[in-house]
Amino acid sequence: MKDAGGSVVKSLGDGLVCHFGEADVAFRVAGEMQLAAGNVEPVGGRKLAIKVVFTWGPVVTEGGDVFGDTVNVCARLVGLANAEQVLTTQETVDALSPGLRHRCRHLFPATVRGRVGEVDVYDVIWRTDPDVTEAFGRGVGVVGSSS
């Protein structure tokens, strides 16, 4: 994570809050987290599956922690994510480089507690499976909390 210019801010039970300086880096690390989880050998017949959400925007840093709307939205979206999925928001998609924006697809608008108005939720296509590539008609590349 540090190699990517990010840091773990805190752990919350089975989840982590991380901070990155660039949206593209967060995109890449989100996919790497999913790939790493997928490579863990099953234990007792159960495969490790994680949910990953990343958002981009202003945060307030205080005492080694981060606060603000960006953090709140991220925390709320974790509850909407499925295992092996990466979710983000329209604001985050807008902050990505053009090459990564096309790897995000709009899912639905969501009401987020503590925020006025809806948040447009996007699915991040982080897999390089042939089925995913064929379904979207373009090449895709690689980019949590456990469930």
C-alpha atoms as a PDB file:
ATOM      1  CA  MET A   1       0.000   0.000   0.000  1.00  0.00           C
ATOM      2  CA  LYS A   2       2.811   2.397   0.862  1.00  0.00           C
ATOM      3  CA  ASP A   3       4.403   1.601  -2.490  1.00  0.00           C
ATOM      4  CA  ALA A   4       1.240   3.031  -4.067  1.00  0.00           C
ATOM      5  CA  GLY A   5       1.492   6.226  -2.022  1.00  0.00           C
ATOM      6  CA  GLY A   6      -1.349   5.283   0.290  1.00  0.00           C
ATOM      7  CA  SER A   7      -1.722   4.649   3.966  1.00  0.00           C
ATOM      8  CA  VAL A   8      -4.032   2.744   6.274  1.00  0.00           C
ATOM      9  CA  VAL A   9      -5.822   5.349   8.392  1.00  0.00           C
ATOM     10  CA  LYS A  10      -7.633   2.904  10.678  1.00  0.00           C
ATOM     11  CA  SER A  11      -9.215  -0.519  10.890  1.00  0.00           C
ATOM     12  CA  LEU A  12     -12.854  -0.989  11.798  1.00  0.00           C
ATOM     13  CA  GLY A  13     -13.613  -4.590  12.709  1.00  0.00           C
ATOM     14  CA  ASP A  14     -13.097  -6.434   9.445  1.00  0.00           C
ATOM     15  CA  GLY A  15     -12.747  -3.231   7.407  1.00  0.00           C
ATOM     16  CA  LEU A  16     -10.052  -0.683   6.632  1.00  0.00           C
ATOM     17  CA  VAL A  17     -10.038   3.023   5.897  1.00  0.00           C
ATOM     18  CA  CYS A  18      -7.186   3.979   3.582  1.00  0.00           C
ATOM     19  CA  HIS A  19      -6.074   7.292   2.130  1.00  0.00           C
ATOM     20  CA  PHE A  20      -4.555   7.842  -1.336  1.00  0.00           C
ATOM     21  CA  GLY A  21      -3.396  11.018  -3.027  1.00  0.00           C
ATOM     22  CA  GLU A  22      -4.816  10.158  -6.465  1.00  0.00           C
ATOM     23  CA  ALA A  23      -8.081   8.579  -7.630  1.00  0.00           C
ATOM     24  CA  ASP A  24      -6.276   6.444 -10.230  1.00  0.00           C
ATOM     25  CA  VAL A  25      -4.073   4.940  -7.520  1.00  0.00           C
ATOM     26  CA  ALA A  26      -7.115   4.091  -5.378  1.00  0.00           C
ATOM     27  CA  PHE A  27      -8.702   2.420  -8.439  1.00  0.00           C
ATOM     28  CA  ARG A  28      -5.602   0.296  -9.018  1.00  0.00           C
ATOM     29  CA  VAL A  29      -5.232  -0.692  -5.353  1.00  0.00           C
ATOM     30  CA  ALA A  30      -8.938  -1.618  -5.137  1.00  0.00           C
ATOM     31  CA  GLY A  31      -8.453  -4.139  -7.936  1.00  0.00           C
ATOM     32  CA  GLU A  32      -5.226  -5.420  -6.435  1.00  0.00           C
ATOM     33  CA  MET A  33      -7.053  -6.021  -3.146  1.00  0.00           C
ATOM     34  CA  GLN A  34      -9.705  -8.052  -4.964  1.00  0.00           C
ATOM     35  CA  LEU A  35      -7.060 -10.061  -6.826  1.00  0.00           C
ATOM     36  CA  ALA A  36      -5.150 -10.756  -3.604  1.00  0.00           C
ATOM     37  CA  ALA A  37      -8.329 -11.906  -1.839  1.00  0.00           C
ATOM     38  CA  GLY A  38      -9.156 -14.164  -4.786  1.00  0.00           C
ATOM     39  CA  ASN A  39      -5.737 -15.803  -4.548  1.00  0.00           C
ATOM     40  CA  VAL A  40      -6.135 -16.795  -0.895  1.00  0.00           C
ATOM     41  CA  GLU A  41      -6.619 -20.533  -0.527  1.00  0.00           C
ATOM     42  CA  PRO A  42     -10.099 -21.475   0.748  1.00  0.00           C
ATOM     43  CA  VAL A  43     -10.294 -22.392   4.431  1.00  0.00           C
ATOM     44  CA  GLY A  44     -12.767 -25.066   5.427  1.00  0.00           C
ATOM     45  CA  GLY A  45     -14.254 -24.920   1.929  1.00  0.00           C
ATOM     46  CA  ARG A  46     -14.926 -21.178   2.230  1.00  0.00           C
ATOM     47  CA  LYS A  47     -13.330 -18.689  -0.121  1.00  0.00           C
ATOM     48  CA  LEU A  48     -12.309 -15.229   1.083  1.00  0.00           C
ATOM     49  CA  ALA A  49     -14.496 -12.573  -0.535  1.00  0.00           C
ATOM     50  CA  ILE A  50     -14.201  -8.846   0.118  1.00  0.00           C
ATOM     51  CA  LYS A  51     -16.170  -5.708  -0.701  1.00  0.00           C
ATOM     52  CA  VAL A  52     -14.203  -2.652  -1.780  1.00  0.00           C
ATOM     53  CA  VAL A  53     -15.472   0.919  -2.078  1.00  0.00           C
ATOM     54  CA  PHE A  54     -13.423   4.003  -2.881  1.00  0.00           C
ATOM     55  CA  THR A  55     -14.488   7.619  -3.143  1.00  0.00           C
ATOM     56  CA  TRP A  56     -12.624  10.734  -4.158  1.00  0.00           C
ATOM     57  CA  GLY A  57     -13.046  14.196  -2.708  1.00  0.00           C
ATOM     58  CA  PRO A  58     -12.050  16.560   0.055  1.00  0.00           C
ATOM     59  CA  VAL A  59     -11.405  15.177   3.539  1.00  0.00           C
ATOM     60  CA  VAL A  60     -10.565  16.700   6.884  1.00  0.00           C
ATOM     61  CA  THR A  61      -7.450  15.173   8.439  1.00  0.00           C
ATOM     62  CA  GLU A  62      -7.279  15.361  12.213  1.00  0.00           C
ATOM     63  CA  GLY A  63      -5.277  13.324  14.686  1.00  0.00           C
ATOM     64  CA  GLY A  64      -4.300  10.745  12.071  1.00  0.00           C
ATOM     65  CA  ASP A  65      -7.951  10.186  11.055  1.00  0.00           C
ATOM     66  CA  VAL A  66     -10.031  11.400   8.111  1.00  0.00           C
ATOM     67  CA  PHE A  67     -13.521  12.877   8.226  1.00  0.00           C
ATOM     68  CA  GLY A  68     -16.055  14.512   5.955  1.00  0.00           C
ATOM     69  CA  ASP A  69     -18.671  13.828   3.321  1.00  0.00           C
ATOM     70  CA  THR A  70     -16.271  11.833   1.144  1.00  0.00           C
ATOM     71  CA  VAL A  71     -15.543   9.438   4.016  1.00  0.00           C
ATOM     72  CA  ASN A  72     -19.207   9.221   5.036  1.00  0.00           C
ATOM     73  CA  VAL A  73     -20.356   8.341   1.515  1.00  0.00           C
ATOM     74  CA  CYS A  74     -17.645   5.694   1.230  1.00  0.00           C
ATOM     75  CA  ALA A  75     -18.661   4.094   4.517  1.00  0.00           C
ATOM     76  CA  ARG A  76     -22.336   4.011   3.494  1.00  0.00           C
ATOM     77  CA  LEU A  77     -21.610   2.451   0.098  1.00  0.00           C
ATOM     78  CA  VAL A  78     -19.877  -0.521   1.711  1.00  0.00           C
ATOM     79  CA  GLY A  79     -23.336  -1.679   2.794  1.00  0.00           C
ATOM     80  CA  LEU A  80     -24.456  -1.689  -0.856  1.00  0.00           C
ATOM     81  CA  ALA A  81     -21.486  -3.624  -2.233  1.00  0.00           C
ATOM     82  CA  ASN A  82     -21.501  -7.342  -2.927  1.00  0.00           C
ATOM     83  CA  ALA A  83     -18.599  -9.668  -2.281  1.00  0.00           C
ATOM     84  CA  GLU A  84     -15.936  -9.465  -5.013  1.00  0.00           C
ATOM     85  CA  GLN A  85     -17.279  -6.064  -6.084  1.00  0.00           C
ATOM     86  CA  VAL A  86     -15.750  -2.585  -6.217  1.00  0.00           C
ATOM     87  CA  LEU A  87     -18.110   0.388  -6.015  1.00  0.00           C
ATOM     88  CA  THR A  88     -17.538   4.107  -6.396  1.00  0.00           C
ATOM     89  CA  THR A  89     -19.402   7.354  -7.125  1.00  0.00           C
ATOM     90  CA  GLN A  90     -19.914   9.719 -10.053  1.00  0.00           C
ATOM     91  CA  GLU A  91     -17.593  12.261  -8.423  1.00  0.00           C
ATOM     92  CA  THR A  92     -14.879   9.636  -8.251  1.00  0.00           C
ATOM     93  CA  VAL A  93     -15.401   8.513 -11.846  1.00  0.00           C
ATOM     94  CA  ASP A  94     -15.035  12.151 -12.914  1.00  0.00           C
ATOM     95  CA  ALA A  95     -11.671  12.306 -11.097  1.00  0.00           C
ATOM     96  CA  LEU A  96     -10.288   9.219 -12.871  1.00  0.00           C
ATOM     97  CA  SER A  97      -8.128   9.389 -15.975  1.00  0.00           C
ATOM     98  CA  PRO A  98     -10.045   8.802 -19.232  1.00  0.00           C
ATOM     99  CA  GLY A  99      -8.573   5.315 -19.586  1.00  0.00           C
ATOM    100  CA  LEU A 100     -10.124   4.242 -16.280  1.00  0.00           C
ATOM    101  CA  ARG A 101     -13.453   6.066 -16.571  1.00  0.00           C
ATOM    102  CA  HIS A 102     -14.697   3.690 -19.280  1.00  0.00           C
ATOM    103  CA  ARG A 103     -14.184   0.798 -16.829  1.00  0.00           C
ATOM    104  CA  CYS A 104     -16.961   2.096 -14.576  1.00  0.00           C
ATOM    105  CA  ARG A 105     -20.655   1.530 -15.228  1.00  0.00           C
ATOM    106  CA  HIS A 106     -23.548   3.346 -13.634  1.00  0.00           C
ATOM    107  CA  LEU A 107     -25.690   1.106 -11.423  1.00  0.00           C
ATOM    108  CA  PHE A 108     -28.269   3.299  -9.673  1.00  0.00           C
ATOM    109  CA  PRO A 109     -28.810   6.449  -7.642  1.00  0.00           C
ATOM    110  CA  ALA A 110     -28.795   5.837  -3.882  1.00  0.00           C
ATOM    111  CA  THR A 111     -29.923   7.811  -0.876  1.00  0.00           C
ATOM    112  CA  VAL A 112     -27.086   8.086   1.619  1.00  0.00           C
ATOM    113  CA  ARG A 113     -27.798   8.902   5.239  1.00  0.00           C
ATOM    114  CA  GLY A 114     -26.293  12.223   6.231  1.00  0.00           C
ATOM    115  CA  ARG A 115     -26.264  13.599   2.680  1.00  0.00           C
ATOM    116  CA  VAL A 116     -28.775  15.767   0.855  1.00  0.00           C
ATOM    117  CA  GLY A 117     -29.617  14.371  -2.568  1.00  0.00           C
ATOM    118  CA  GLU A 118     -28.786  11.043  -4.126  1.00  0.00           C
ATOM    119  CA  VAL A 119     -25.381   9.572  -4.908  1.00  0.00           C
ATOM    120  CA  ASP A 120     -24.841   7.929  -8.304  1.00  0.00           C
ATOM    121  CA  VAL A 121     -23.295   4.529  -7.598  1.00  0.00           C
ATOM    122  CA  TYR A 122     -20.902   2.960 -10.117  1.00  0.00           C
ATOM    123  CA  ASP A 123     -19.574  -0.567 -10.477  1.00  0.00           C
ATOM    124  CA  VAL A 124     -15.837  -0.695 -11.192  1.00  0.00           C
ATOM    125  CA  ILE A 125     -14.895  -3.347 -13.751  1.00  0.00           C
ATOM    126  CA  TRP A 126     -11.671  -4.584 -12.198  1.00  0.00           C
ATOM    127  CA  ARG A 127     -11.543  -8.133 -13.618  1.00  0.00           C
ATOM    128  CA  THR A 128      -9.773  -9.162 -16.794  1.00  0.00           C
ATOM    129  CA  ASP A 129     -11.954 -12.225 -17.362  1.00  0.00           C
ATOM    130  CA  PRO A 130     -12.755 -12.961 -21.032  1.00  0.00           C
ATOM    131  CA  ASP A 131     -16.485 -12.956 -20.167  1.00  0.00           C
ATOM    132  CA  VAL A 132     -16.285  -9.424 -18.786  1.00  0.00           C
ATOM    133  CA  THR A 133     -14.259  -8.190 -21.755  1.00  0.00           C
ATOM    134  CA  GLU A 134     -16.699  -9.708 -24.239  1.00  0.00           C
ATOM    135  CA  ALA A 135     -19.780  -8.438 -22.425  1.00  0.00           C
ATOM    136  CA  PHE A 136     -18.599  -4.838 -22.593  1.00  0.00           C
ATOM    137  CA  GLY A 137     -17.003  -5.020 -26.025  1.00  0.00           C
ATOM    138  CA  ARG A 138     -13.706  -3.506 -24.919  1.00  0.00           C
ATOM    139  CA  GLY A 139     -10.568  -4.565 -23.110  1.00  0.00           C
ATOM    140  CA  VAL A 140     -10.516  -4.156 -19.393  1.00  0.00           C
ATOM    141  CA  GLY A 141      -7.623  -4.124 -16.980  1.00  0.00           C
ATOM    142  CA  VAL A 142      -7.038  -4.691 -13.340  1.00  0.00           C
ATOM    143  CA  VAL A 143      -7.675  -2.554 -10.558  1.00  0.00           C
ATOM    144  CA  GLY A 144     -12.616  -3.884   0.999  1.00  0.00           C
ATOM    145  CA  SER A 145     -14.216  -5.274   3.744  1.00  0.00           C
ATOM    146  CA  SER A 146     -14.817  -8.981   4.058  1.00  0.00           C
ATOM    147  CA  SER A 147     -18.128 -10.770   3.812  1.00  0.00           C
END
